[in-house]
Protein backbone atom coordinates (compact mmCIF):
# COMPACT_ATOMS: atom_id res chain seq x y z
CA MET A 1 32.05 91.99 -53.44
CA SER A 2 35.71 91.55 -53.01
CA ASN A 3 37.81 91.18 -49.84
CA GLU A 4 39.45 94.47 -50.53
CA GLN A 5 35.75 96.32 -50.69
CA LEU A 6 35.11 95.19 -47.07
CA VAL A 7 37.99 96.49 -45.57
CA MET A 8 37.61 100.35 -44.14
CA SER A 9 41.03 101.73 -44.19
CA LYS A 10 41.50 105.32 -42.66
CA GLU A 11 42.87 106.29 -45.92
CA GLN A 12 39.50 105.92 -47.26
CA GLY A 13 37.50 107.07 -44.54
CA ALA A 14 34.46 105.17 -46.07
CA GLY A 15 31.14 106.52 -43.78
CA TRP A 16 32.98 108.97 -41.03
CA GLU A 17 32.80 112.71 -40.91
CA LYS A 18 33.94 114.93 -38.70
CA ASP A 19 32.04 117.58 -37.10
CA ASP A 20 32.71 120.70 -35.42
CA GLU A 21 33.55 119.58 -32.40
CA GLN A 22 36.57 118.18 -33.41
CA SER A 23 35.80 113.95 -32.91
CA SER A 24 35.52 111.35 -35.76
CA VAL A 25 31.97 110.38 -35.78
CA ILE A 26 30.50 107.17 -37.82
CA SER A 27 27.74 108.15 -40.01
CA PRO A 28 24.54 106.49 -38.70
CA HIS A 29 23.00 105.31 -42.08
CA ALA A 30 26.37 104.59 -44.34
CA SER A 31 27.26 101.30 -43.36
CA VAL A 32 26.57 98.09 -40.78
CA LEU A 33 29.81 96.12 -38.72
CA ILE A 34 29.82 92.88 -39.63
CA SER A 35 31.99 90.31 -38.35
CA TYR A 36 32.43 86.09 -38.84
CA SER A 37 34.49 84.03 -37.19
CA GLN A 38 35.75 80.07 -36.96
CA PRO A 39 38.24 78.07 -34.39
CA ALA A 40 41.63 78.48 -35.73
CA PRO A 41 43.29 75.51 -33.58
CA GLY A 42 46.94 75.93 -33.12
CA ILE A 43 47.49 79.82 -33.61
CA THR A 44 49.24 81.89 -30.90
CA ALA A 45 49.40 85.43 -30.76
CA ALA A 46 52.88 84.93 -31.73
CA ASP A 47 52.17 83.38 -34.82
CA PHE A 48 49.42 85.95 -35.88
CA LEU A 49 51.42 89.36 -34.80
CA THR A 50 54.73 87.87 -36.68
CA GLN A 51 53.10 87.25 -39.38
CA ALA A 52 51.04 90.62 -39.13
CA LYS A 53 54.38 92.85 -39.17
CA GLY A 54 54.39 96.08 -41.32
CA SER A 55 50.64 96.42 -40.90
CA GLU A 56 48.34 98.12 -37.62
CA ARG A 57 48.29 95.88 -34.75
CA PHE A 58 46.58 95.58 -31.62
CA PHE A 59 47.49 92.72 -28.69
CA TRP A 60 46.77 92.37 -25.20
CA GLU A 61 47.06 89.93 -22.55
CA ASP A 62 45.22 89.87 -18.94
CA VAL A 63 47.16 88.74 -16.52
CA ARG A 64 44.60 86.96 -14.51
CA ASP A 65 41.72 85.82 -16.89
CA ARG A 66 44.76 84.78 -19.34
CA ILE A 67 43.08 85.56 -21.97
CA ILE A 68 44.80 86.64 -25.39
CA PHE A 69 43.83 89.07 -27.51
CA ALA A 70 45.19 90.44 -30.49
CA GLY A 71 44.33 92.34 -34.10
CA PHE A 72 45.82 93.45 -37.03
CA GLY A 73 44.75 96.05 -40.23
CA THR A 74 42.09 98.37 -39.71
CA ALA A 75 38.63 97.82 -39.93
CA VAL A 76 37.33 101.06 -38.46
CA ASN A 77 38.69 103.92 -36.93
CA LEU A 78 37.74 106.06 -34.24
CA PHE A 79 38.79 109.35 -32.98
CA ALA A 80 38.46 111.85 -30.16
CA TRP A 81 39.70 115.21 -29.07
CA GLY A 82 39.21 117.87 -25.93
CA GLU A 83 37.69 117.44 -22.49
CA SER A 84 34.27 115.42 -24.09
CA ARG A 85 36.99 112.51 -25.89
CA PHE A 86 35.54 109.87 -23.21
CA GLN A 87 32.31 110.47 -23.84
CA SER A 88 32.54 111.05 -27.99
CA ILE A 89 34.19 107.36 -27.96
CA GLN A 90 31.21 105.94 -25.95
CA GLU A 91 29.08 107.49 -28.97
CA GLN A 92 30.90 106.03 -32.04
CA ALA A 93 31.64 102.49 -30.11
CA LYS A 94 27.50 102.08 -29.68
CA GLU A 95 26.39 103.62 -32.95
CA LEU A 96 29.70 100.92 -34.24
CA PHE A 97 27.76 98.50 -32.36
CA VAL A 98 24.14 98.47 -32.18
CA ASP A 99 23.29 97.24 -35.37
CA ALA A 100 26.39 94.49 -35.93
CA VAL A 101 26.11 91.41 -37.22
CA LEU A 102 27.62 88.89 -35.94
CA LEU A 103 27.83 85.53 -38.22
CA ASN A 104 28.86 82.14 -36.83
CA GLU A 105 29.82 83.44 -33.70
CA THR A 106 31.63 80.36 -32.01
CA ASN A 107 32.30 81.69 -29.26
CA PRO A 108 31.53 84.99 -27.14
CA LEU A 109 35.03 86.03 -26.65
CA ALA A 110 35.87 86.03 -30.35
CA ALA A 111 32.98 89.19 -30.90
CA PRO A 112 34.37 92.22 -32.55
CA ARG A 113 36.71 94.19 -30.09
CA LEU A 114 38.15 98.15 -30.20
CA PHE A 115 41.23 98.45 -29.13
CA GLY A 116 42.90 101.46 -27.99
CA GLY A 117 42.94 104.35 -25.49
CA PHE A 118 43.83 107.60 -24.16
CA ALA A 119 46.60 110.28 -23.95
CA PHE A 120 46.96 111.39 -20.11
CA ARG A 121 46.14 114.78 -20.93
CA ASP A 122 42.63 115.91 -22.68
CA ASP A 123 44.47 118.52 -24.51
CA PHE A 124 47.15 117.00 -26.15
CA THR A 125 48.61 117.88 -29.12
CA PRO A 126 51.14 114.77 -30.97
CA ASP A 127 54.06 115.42 -31.61
CA ASN A 128 57.27 114.34 -33.26
CA THR A 129 57.93 111.01 -30.14
CA TRP A 130 53.79 110.43 -30.56
CA ALA A 131 53.27 111.67 -34.30
CA ALA A 132 51.16 108.88 -34.90
CA PHE A 133 48.96 108.97 -31.65
CA HIS A 134 45.88 111.23 -30.87
CA PRO A 135 43.93 111.92 -28.06
CA ALA A 136 41.64 109.10 -27.77
CA HIS A 137 42.13 106.49 -30.58
CA PHE A 138 40.47 102.94 -31.52
CA ILE A 139 40.70 100.73 -33.83
CA LEU A 140 38.73 97.96 -34.70
CA PRO A 141 40.97 95.16 -36.50
CA HIS A 142 40.33 93.65 -39.89
CA TYR A 143 41.53 90.57 -38.29
CA GLN A 144 41.29 89.38 -34.56
CA LEU A 145 42.61 86.63 -32.64
CA VAL A 146 40.99 85.17 -29.34
CA ARG A 147 43.10 82.46 -27.04
CA VAL A 148 41.90 81.11 -24.08
CA GLY A 149 43.13 78.41 -22.35
CA GLY A 150 45.27 76.81 -24.97
CA ASN A 151 41.85 76.95 -28.18
CA SER A 152 42.32 79.71 -30.81
CA TRP A 153 39.49 81.62 -32.67
CA LEU A 154 39.43 83.94 -35.79
CA THR A 155 37.36 86.70 -36.20
CA ILE A 156 37.22 89.08 -39.57
CA ASN A 157 35.64 92.42 -39.53
CA ALA A 158 34.67 94.55 -42.06
CA LEU A 159 31.65 97.27 -43.18
CA ILE A 160 29.48 96.72 -45.53
CA PRO A 161 26.28 99.07 -46.80
CA ARG A 162 23.32 99.38 -44.74
CA ASP A 163 21.08 98.60 -47.70
CA GLU A 164 22.92 94.90 -48.57
CA GLU A 165 22.04 91.83 -46.94
CA PRO A 166 24.28 90.83 -44.79
CA ALA A 167 24.17 86.46 -45.80
CA THR A 168 25.63 88.03 -49.16
CA SER A 169 29.07 88.92 -47.81
CA LEU A 170 29.00 85.65 -46.06
CA PRO A 171 31.04 83.43 -48.87
CA VAL A 172 33.36 86.27 -48.81
CA LEU A 173 34.11 86.56 -45.58
CA ARG A 174 34.52 82.90 -44.83
CA GLU A 175 36.88 82.77 -47.73
CA ALA A 176 38.68 85.34 -46.65
CA LEU A 177 39.61 83.72 -42.80
CA ALA A 178 40.09 80.52 -44.35
CA ALA A 179 42.86 81.76 -46.50
CA ARG A 180 44.11 83.83 -43.59
CA TYR A 181 44.42 80.41 -41.02
CA ALA A 182 45.71 78.75 -44.21
CA VAL A 183 48.55 81.24 -44.44
CA LEU A 184 49.57 81.18 -40.66
CA LYS A 185 49.11 77.44 -40.36
CA ASN A 186 51.38 76.10 -43.19
CA GLU A 187 53.98 79.06 -42.89
CA GLY A 188 54.57 78.33 -38.98
CA VAL A 189 55.49 81.49 -37.85
CA LYS A 190 56.71 81.22 -34.55
CA GLY A 191 57.05 84.32 -31.72
CA ARG A 192 61.46 85.45 -31.14
CA LYS A 193 60.62 84.56 -28.19
CA GLY A 194 63.24 86.13 -25.34
CA GLU A 195 64.86 88.11 -28.67
CA GLY A 196 64.66 91.10 -26.93
CA VAL A 197 68.04 90.03 -24.22
CA THR A 198 70.26 89.83 -27.01
CA SER A 199 72.78 92.92 -25.89
CA VAL A 200 72.77 96.19 -28.24
CA HIS A 201 74.40 99.31 -27.43
CA PRO A 202 72.10 102.62 -28.47
CA LEU A 203 72.89 106.23 -27.99
CA ILE A 204 70.58 106.66 -24.48
CA HIS A 205 70.05 110.26 -23.80
CA TYR A 206 67.93 111.06 -20.75
CA PRO A 207 66.51 114.58 -21.50
CA MET A 208 65.92 115.48 -17.33
CA PRO A 209 69.38 115.28 -15.15
CA TYR A 210 69.60 114.12 -11.83
CA ASP A 211 70.04 118.10 -10.58
CA THR A 212 67.04 119.03 -12.49
CA TRP A 213 65.28 116.56 -11.34
CA ALA A 214 66.15 116.74 -7.21
CA GLU A 215 65.13 120.97 -8.08
CA LYS A 216 62.05 119.90 -8.92
CA ILE A 217 61.25 117.42 -6.60
CA ASN A 218 62.50 120.02 -3.58
CA ASP A 219 60.08 122.24 -5.28
CA ILE A 220 56.95 119.95 -5.29
CA ARG A 221 58.03 119.46 -1.59
CA GLN A 222 57.71 123.39 -1.01
CA GLN A 223 54.19 123.15 -2.52
CA ILE A 224 52.99 120.18 -0.19
CA ARG A 225 53.88 121.59 2.35
CA THR A 226 52.39 125.52 1.89
CA THR A 227 49.26 124.60 -0.24
CA PRO A 228 47.07 121.80 -0.61
CA LEU A 229 48.94 120.06 -2.54
CA LYS A 230 49.56 116.26 -0.85
CA LYS A 231 51.12 114.77 -4.14
CA VAL A 232 52.30 114.69 -7.52
CA VAL A 233 53.92 111.82 -9.83
CA LEU A 234 57.08 113.62 -11.80
CA SER A 235 58.32 110.90 -14.40
CA ARG A 236 61.51 111.52 -16.72
CA VAL A 237 62.12 109.89 -20.08
CA ALA A 238 64.83 107.75 -21.01
CA GLU A 239 65.33 108.60 -25.58
CA LEU A 240 67.10 105.76 -27.21
CA ARG A 241 67.98 105.59 -30.59
CA PHE A 242 69.27 102.76 -32.59
CA PRO A 243 70.99 101.79 -35.44
CA ASP A 244 68.64 99.46 -37.43
CA ARG A 245 64.35 99.85 -36.34
CA VAL A 246 63.39 99.04 -32.89
CA ASP A 247 62.58 95.44 -32.62
CA VAL A 248 59.36 95.51 -31.31
CA ASP A 249 58.40 91.97 -31.69
CA GLY A 250 61.67 90.51 -29.70
CA ALA A 251 60.66 93.30 -26.59
CA LEU A 252 57.21 91.92 -26.63
CA ALA A 253 58.37 88.52 -26.95
CA PHE A 254 60.77 88.84 -24.02
CA LEU A 255 57.97 91.30 -21.71
CA ASN A 256 55.52 87.55 -22.78
CA GLU A 257 58.62 85.81 -20.72
CA TYR A 258 59.78 87.56 -17.84
CA TYR A 259 56.71 90.36 -17.43
CA ASN A 260 54.00 87.70 -17.58
CA ASP A 261 52.62 88.77 -14.47
CA CYS A 262 51.88 91.57 -15.66
CA TYR A 263 49.02 93.24 -18.44
CA ARG A 264 50.45 93.19 -21.65
CA PHE A 265 50.21 95.44 -24.42
CA LEU A 266 50.68 96.62 -28.27
CA PHE A 267 48.82 99.75 -30.07
CA GLU A 268 50.58 99.81 -33.17
CA PRO A 269 48.25 102.53 -35.15
CA ARG A 270 51.06 102.82 -38.27
CA PRO A 271 53.24 100.03 -38.96
CA PHE A 272 56.18 101.02 -37.08
CA HIS A 273 54.63 103.59 -34.70
CA ALA A 274 53.97 101.51 -31.38
CA PHE A 275 53.65 101.93 -27.90
CA TYR A 276 53.33 99.17 -26.15
CA GLY A 277 54.33 97.44 -21.94
CA ALA A 278 54.44 95.26 -19.27
CA THR A 279 52.17 97.37 -16.43
CA PRO A 280 51.02 95.50 -13.31
CA GLU A 281 47.98 98.10 -12.91
CA LEU A 282 44.58 97.94 -14.22
CA LEU A 283 42.74 100.60 -14.00
CA ALA A 284 39.14 99.01 -14.08
CA LYS A 285 37.53 96.08 -15.35
CA VAL A 286 33.32 96.30 -16.23
CA ASP A 287 31.41 93.13 -16.95
CA GLY A 288 27.77 94.67 -16.93
CA ARG A 289 27.52 96.21 -13.24
CA THR A 290 30.65 94.16 -11.75
CA LEU A 291 33.65 96.44 -11.18
CA THR A 292 37.16 95.86 -10.48
CA SER A 293 40.06 97.68 -9.90
CA MET A 294 42.87 98.65 -7.62
CA ALA A 295 45.00 100.89 -5.56
CA LEU A 296 48.95 100.71 -6.82
CA ALA A 297 51.39 102.99 -5.20
CA GLY A 298 54.72 102.47 -2.73
CA SER A 299 57.75 100.55 -4.03
CA ILE A 300 60.99 98.82 -3.76
CA ARG A 301 63.07 96.48 -5.28
CA ARG A 302 63.16 92.98 -4.95
CA SER A 303 65.99 90.14 -4.20
CA ALA A 304 66.97 86.67 -5.37
CA ASP A 305 67.63 85.69 -1.21
CA PRO A 306 64.08 84.91 -0.31
CA LEU A 307 64.61 85.91 3.00
CA GLU A 308 66.32 89.75 2.10
CA ASP A 309 63.27 89.88 -0.74
CA ALA A 310 60.66 89.21 2.18
CA ALA A 311 62.55 91.59 4.91
CA LEU A 312 62.26 94.98 2.14
CA GLY A 313 58.33 93.72 1.35
CA GLN A 314 58.16 94.09 4.93
CA GLN A 315 59.86 97.51 4.75
CA LEU A 316 57.92 98.49 2.46
CA LEU A 317 54.26 98.05 4.34
CA ASN A 318 56.02 99.52 7.68
CA SER A 319 57.31 102.37 5.56
CA ALA A 320 55.30 105.84 6.67
CA LYS A 321 56.20 107.32 3.39
CA ASP A 322 54.72 105.00 1.21
CA ARG A 323 52.28 103.70 2.90
CA HIS A 324 51.14 107.75 3.31
CA GLU A 325 51.63 107.34 -0.72
CA HIS A 326 49.38 104.19 -0.83
CA GLU A 327 46.57 105.48 1.16
CA LEU A 328 46.09 108.75 -0.88
CA VAL A 329 45.50 107.05 -4.10
CA VAL A 330 42.87 104.16 -1.67
CA TYR A 331 41.16 107.14 -0.24
CA SER A 332 40.43 108.89 -4.04
CA ILE A 333 39.38 105.67 -5.72
CA LEU A 334 36.84 105.06 -2.96
CA GLU A 335 35.65 108.53 -3.36
CA ARG A 336 35.25 108.50 -6.86
CA LEU A 337 33.39 105.61 -6.57
CA ALA A 338 31.07 105.86 -3.94
CA PRO A 339 28.56 107.90 -5.62
CA VAL A 340 28.56 105.24 -9.09
CA THR A 341 28.27 101.74 -6.71
CA ASP A 342 25.79 100.11 -4.40
CA LYS A 343 28.37 97.21 -2.75
CA LEU A 344 31.90 98.23 -2.95
CA GLU A 345 34.88 96.17 -1.66
CA ILE A 346 38.27 96.87 -0.55
CA ALA A 347 40.89 95.69 1.82
CA PRO A 348 41.08 97.26 5.01
CA GLN A 349 44.99 96.83 4.70
CA PRO A 350 47.14 96.75 1.41
CA GLY A 351 49.49 93.89 0.83
CA VAL A 352 52.73 93.15 -1.49
CA TYR A 353 52.02 92.94 -4.90
CA LYS A 354 55.76 91.21 -6.22
CA LEU A 355 57.12 91.90 -9.84
CA ASN A 356 60.01 90.33 -11.98
CA ASN A 357 61.86 93.44 -10.22
CA ILE A 358 60.10 95.29 -8.00
CA GLN A 359 56.92 95.26 -5.49
CA HIS A 360 54.66 97.59 -4.38
CA LEU A 361 51.55 98.57 -2.14
CA TYR A 362 48.58 96.87 -3.48
CA THR A 363 45.02 97.28 -2.24
CA PRO A 364 41.97 95.16 -4.81
CA VAL A 365 38.74 97.07 -5.63
CA ARG A 366 35.61 95.30 -6.44
CA ALA A 367 32.32 96.80 -6.69
CA GLN A 368 29.01 96.87 -8.28
CA LEU A 369 27.65 98.97 -9.83
CA LEU A 370 24.51 100.95 -10.22
CA ASN A 371 24.28 101.65 -13.78
CA ALA A 372 25.37 99.39 -16.43
CA ASN A 373 27.02 102.24 -18.60
CA GLY A 374 30.20 100.03 -19.53
CA ILE A 375 33.77 100.22 -19.16
CA LEU A 376 34.47 104.16 -20.28
CA PRO A 377 32.01 106.24 -17.64
CA LEU A 378 34.53 104.22 -15.63
CA VAL A 379 37.22 105.22 -17.13
CA GLU A 380 36.90 108.54 -17.61
CA LEU A 381 36.09 108.81 -13.66
CA LEU A 382 39.25 107.04 -12.26
CA HIS A 383 42.01 108.98 -14.72
CA PRO A 384 44.31 109.73 -13.81
CA THR A 385 44.33 108.52 -10.03
CA PRO A 386 46.75 109.79 -7.96
CA ALA A 387 48.83 106.45 -8.63
CA MET A 388 49.81 108.46 -11.87
CA GLY A 389 48.71 111.80 -11.20
CA GLY A 390 48.31 113.01 -7.61
CA THR A 391 45.98 114.62 -5.17
CA PRO A 392 43.98 117.25 -5.39
CA ARG A 393 43.89 115.97 -9.21
CA ARG A 394 44.10 119.38 -10.96
CA LEU A 395 46.58 121.00 -8.95
CA ALA A 396 48.67 117.96 -9.10
CA MET A 397 47.98 117.71 -13.22
CA GLN A 398 49.27 121.51 -13.55
CA VAL A 399 52.42 120.97 -11.57
CA ILE A 400 53.16 117.98 -13.60
CA ARG A 401 52.47 120.38 -17.21
CA ASP A 402 54.82 122.47 -15.28
CA ALA A 403 57.69 120.34 -14.00
CA GLU A 404 57.77 117.58 -16.84
CA PRO A 405 60.44 118.52 -20.32
CA VAL A 406 58.42 116.29 -22.56
CA THR A 407 55.03 115.35 -23.51
CA ARG A 408 53.99 112.16 -21.20
CA GLY A 409 51.73 111.10 -24.84
CA TRP A 410 50.13 107.95 -23.97
CA TYR A 411 52.17 107.06 -21.12
CA ALA A 412 50.14 106.47 -17.31
CA ALA A 413 47.11 106.67 -19.50
CA PRO A 414 44.24 104.28 -19.79
CA VAL A 415 44.90 101.79 -22.77
CA GLY A 416 42.70 98.65 -23.50
CA TRP A 417 39.55 97.52 -25.38
CA ILE A 418 35.69 97.67 -25.95
CA ASP A 419 33.41 94.65 -26.85
CA VAL A 420 30.21 94.92 -27.98
CA ASN A 421 28.46 95.32 -24.82
CA MET A 422 30.29 98.04 -24.17
CA ASP A 423 32.16 96.51 -21.05
CA GLY A 424 36.02 95.88 -21.35
CA ALA A 425 39.35 96.26 -19.61
CA PHE A 426 41.83 99.04 -19.10
CA ALA A 427 45.28 99.00 -18.00
CA VAL A 428 47.53 102.35 -16.43
CA ALA A 429 49.98 102.34 -19.81
CA ILE A 430 53.04 102.56 -17.00
CA ARG A 431 56.04 100.25 -17.16
CA SER A 432 55.86 100.97 -21.04
CA ALA A 433 57.90 102.68 -24.55
CA VAL A 434 56.53 104.29 -27.75
CA ALA A 435 58.75 103.08 -30.90
CA GLN A 436 59.39 105.05 -34.11
CA GLU A 437 61.35 103.46 -36.72
CA ARG A 438 65.01 103.69 -34.87
CA ARG A 439 64.00 105.45 -31.62
CA ALA A 440 62.60 104.82 -28.66
CA TRP A 441 61.35 106.31 -25.66
CA LEU A 442 60.95 105.35 -21.96
CA TYR A 443 59.17 106.66 -18.77
CA ALA A 444 59.22 106.21 -15.61
CA GLY A 445 58.02 107.96 -12.84
CA ALA A 446 57.38 108.33 -8.76
CA GLY A 447 55.14 109.35 -6.22
CA ILE A 448 56.58 112.29 -3.96
CA VAL A 449 55.36 113.41 -1.33
CA ALA A 450 56.37 115.26 1.65
CA ASP A 451 58.93 113.38 3.07
CA SER A 452 60.30 112.56 -0.85
CA GLU A 453 64.26 111.89 -1.30
CA PRO A 454 65.39 112.75 -4.90
CA GLN A 455 68.12 110.26 -4.60
CA LYS A 456 65.84 107.62 -3.58
CA GLU A 457 62.83 108.64 -6.29
CA TRP A 458 65.65 108.91 -9.05
CA GLU A 459 66.70 105.31 -7.84
CA GLU A 460 63.11 104.29 -7.81
CA THR A 461 62.37 105.36 -11.72
CA ALA A 462 66.25 103.80 -12.96
CA LEU A 463 64.58 100.18 -11.36
CA LYS A 464 61.08 101.08 -13.42
CA PHE A 465 63.12 101.95 -16.56
CA ARG A 466 64.42 98.01 -15.83
CA PRO A 467 61.65 95.81 -17.87
CA MET A 468 61.62 98.37 -20.76
CA LEU A 469 65.74 98.13 -20.92
CA GLU A 470 66.72 94.89 -20.98
CA ALA A 471 63.33 93.73 -23.34
CA LEU A 472 65.12 96.06 -25.67
CA GLY A 473 68.60 94.10 -25.08
CA ILE A 474 69.98 97.37 -22.69
CA THR A 475 72.46 95.36 -20.34
CA LYS A 476 73.06 96.42 -17.38
CA GLU A 477 76.13 98.06 -17.56
CA SER A 478 73.87 100.97 -19.42
CA LEU A 479 70.82 101.34 -16.43
CA SER A 480 71.30 104.38 -14.53
């Protein structure tokens, strides 16, 4: 069997069928996943992703554990639609991994790993901006890289017929992986560190002007005073048109250098159609029965002057408006987690989470789950938190639908990975952009409560646009 025959592409769709509920499911008898890994000293994620340009590509870096995952090519696609999309992906992933054959597994972290995410809304319909994205989409890469503490491992994933002996595929997998490693090692491809800061002059368009923004915020404040609504997160979009293809690699390199205190991610399900960002917010991380999450809401700028910066942080801690906004998120997370945990730890007072250009109120959350059912049930339970949607959830989601002129797509939604144990980690996809050939769309939001001021919220979103604008080489003179 050739290496090409081991690859299952989305165009081929081998072993897949679409059921009546509009979700792609893996046939339980057609094929089985086989995976082979080996050490790959000297290979970095920048090497790996740059060499894979023009393919489907995936990247995740954990800001706390300093673990880097990357992948390219497609071994398996998982899709789901509608209100049952989280459960559908859970079932498909279990079916994929249940009989997986892991050959020569040199590091548990090098085992097969699904990359993907969900749209913000379960009734999301892809438009031109999000043409390559689905309400739920996960990809098992053909090639994977994991890098921990300066050590790297490469993995190859493929599907083989269920009645075929896995050992017969091992020589082909070993040969293909060795060839890939040789290419990476011999070419010495290096990531283009910092290229994203090169000044460029794209056309920039903000679909929501300030007057409309102010009107919508005042409408929301009125609803907060007269209905059960307590908070809504209102977002706006910046649309950029470039003379050449969007430099996603340069942007990601910039984010890795200047926003390395965030979770950086890339999901590129079709070449040159990429969703990427550097988000400070972890939605959930699950390892067995251990859950890690956070509440992140309330923002203020940074200052280069240490004394002023400290004063700004204290101002944030003392702000009644920001503390109220933050408490709504904390209480909602506690309420949602209480029925599924037997031990829940949360700090009694928030701290300040300082990033490159902004600081947030931050409360870490840790818990022991009653049952080890994997990451996806927690993602479904927590998304969207009031930090991204509002409270009450259903009412806030309706206000967002009515108020925002541009669909969010995957913005502010869960993006992350799932391992063979169904554990994983998902961040909230803020400080993000979606790129399509020579166009990019950037998103930023602000939490609106009863005493929000339109001008201050506008300035906050402008501050939140900055990381992605700067990563694309947009000078400060272009920021508005």
